[in-house]
Amino acid sequence: MTNRKVVVDYGLCEANAICMGINPDVFHLDDDDTLHILRPDITPETENDVLEAVRRCPRQALSIVEDGD
């Protein structure tokens, strides 16, 4: 079975927190301006928000990958 996950390219991420503003249950920016993906697995409940975060990321640091089991 193939699952989709959201991943961050830390070389591109500028900690703009736009993704966290879209869904703080999935994305979290800590006090050191490091982005953490709290729920990387894309579910029906998070899919729209994750797609929106990927689309709106100013540095295109977020992407969706296939995770084949």
Protein backbone atom coordinates (compact mmCIF):
# COMPACT_ATOMS: atom_id res chain seq x y z
CA MET A 1 0.00 0.00 0.00
CA THR A 2 1.22 3.49 -0.80
CA ASN A 3 0.82 6.35 1.64
CA ARG A 4 1.50 9.99 0.95
CA LYS A 5 3.52 12.12 3.33
CA VAL A 6 4.43 15.77 3.52
CA VAL A 7 8.15 16.51 3.86
CA VAL A 8 10.19 19.67 4.29
CA ASP A 9 13.45 20.60 2.56
CA TYR A 10 15.30 22.32 5.38
CA GLY A 11 17.76 23.81 2.89
CA LEU A 12 14.88 25.83 1.40
CA CYS A 13 12.68 26.47 4.45
CA GLU A 14 12.84 30.06 5.71
CA ALA A 15 10.48 29.50 8.67
CA ASN A 16 7.79 31.81 7.29
CA ALA A 17 5.17 29.84 9.27
CA ILE A 18 2.58 30.13 6.51
CA CYS A 19 2.07 26.37 6.71
CA MET A 20 1.61 26.53 10.47
CA GLY A 21 -1.03 29.21 9.97
CA ILE A 22 -2.89 26.88 7.63
CA ASN A 23 -2.81 23.86 9.96
CA PRO A 24 -0.98 24.00 13.31
CA ASP A 25 -1.89 20.36 13.98
CA VAL A 26 0.36 19.30 11.09
CA PHE A 27 3.04 22.01 11.05
CA HIS A 28 4.82 23.55 14.04
CA LEU A 29 7.53 26.21 14.11
CA ASP A 30 9.53 26.07 17.33
CA ASP A 31 11.28 28.88 19.20
CA ASP A 32 14.46 28.27 17.16
CA ASP A 33 12.54 28.80 13.88
CA THR A 34 12.77 25.13 12.99
CA LEU A 35 9.76 23.63 11.24
CA HIS A 36 8.50 20.29 12.56
CA ILE A 37 5.94 18.19 10.75
CA LEU A 38 3.83 16.79 13.54
CA ARG A 39 1.61 14.62 11.34
CA PRO A 40 3.47 13.75 8.13
CA ASP A 41 0.96 11.15 6.94
CA ILE A 42 -1.65 12.77 4.73
CA THR A 43 -5.15 11.78 5.78
CA PRO A 44 -8.52 12.72 4.33
CA GLU A 45 -8.85 15.21 7.20
CA THR A 46 -5.52 16.95 6.52
CA GLU A 47 -5.22 16.58 2.74
CA ASN A 48 -6.74 19.93 1.74
CA ASP A 49 -4.68 21.87 4.30
CA VAL A 50 -1.45 20.09 3.34
CA LEU A 51 -2.03 20.75 -0.36
CA GLU A 52 -2.74 24.41 0.43
CA ALA A 53 0.45 24.66 2.53
CA VAL A 54 2.54 23.11 -0.25
CA ARG A 55 1.02 25.51 -2.77
CA ARG A 56 1.49 28.62 -0.63
CA CYS A 57 5.02 27.94 0.66
CA PRO A 58 7.06 30.94 -0.58
CA ARG A 59 10.26 28.90 -0.96
CA GLN A 60 8.60 25.69 -2.19
CA ALA A 61 10.19 23.87 0.74
CA LEU A 62 7.23 21.53 1.24
CA SER A 63 6.48 18.56 -0.96
CA ILE A 64 4.43 15.40 -0.97
CA VAL A 65 6.15 12.05 -1.39
CA GLU A 66 4.85 8.55 -1.91
CA ASP A 67 5.77 6.22 0.92
CA GLY A 68 5.39 2.66 -0.33
CA ASP A 69 5.06 -0.02 2.35
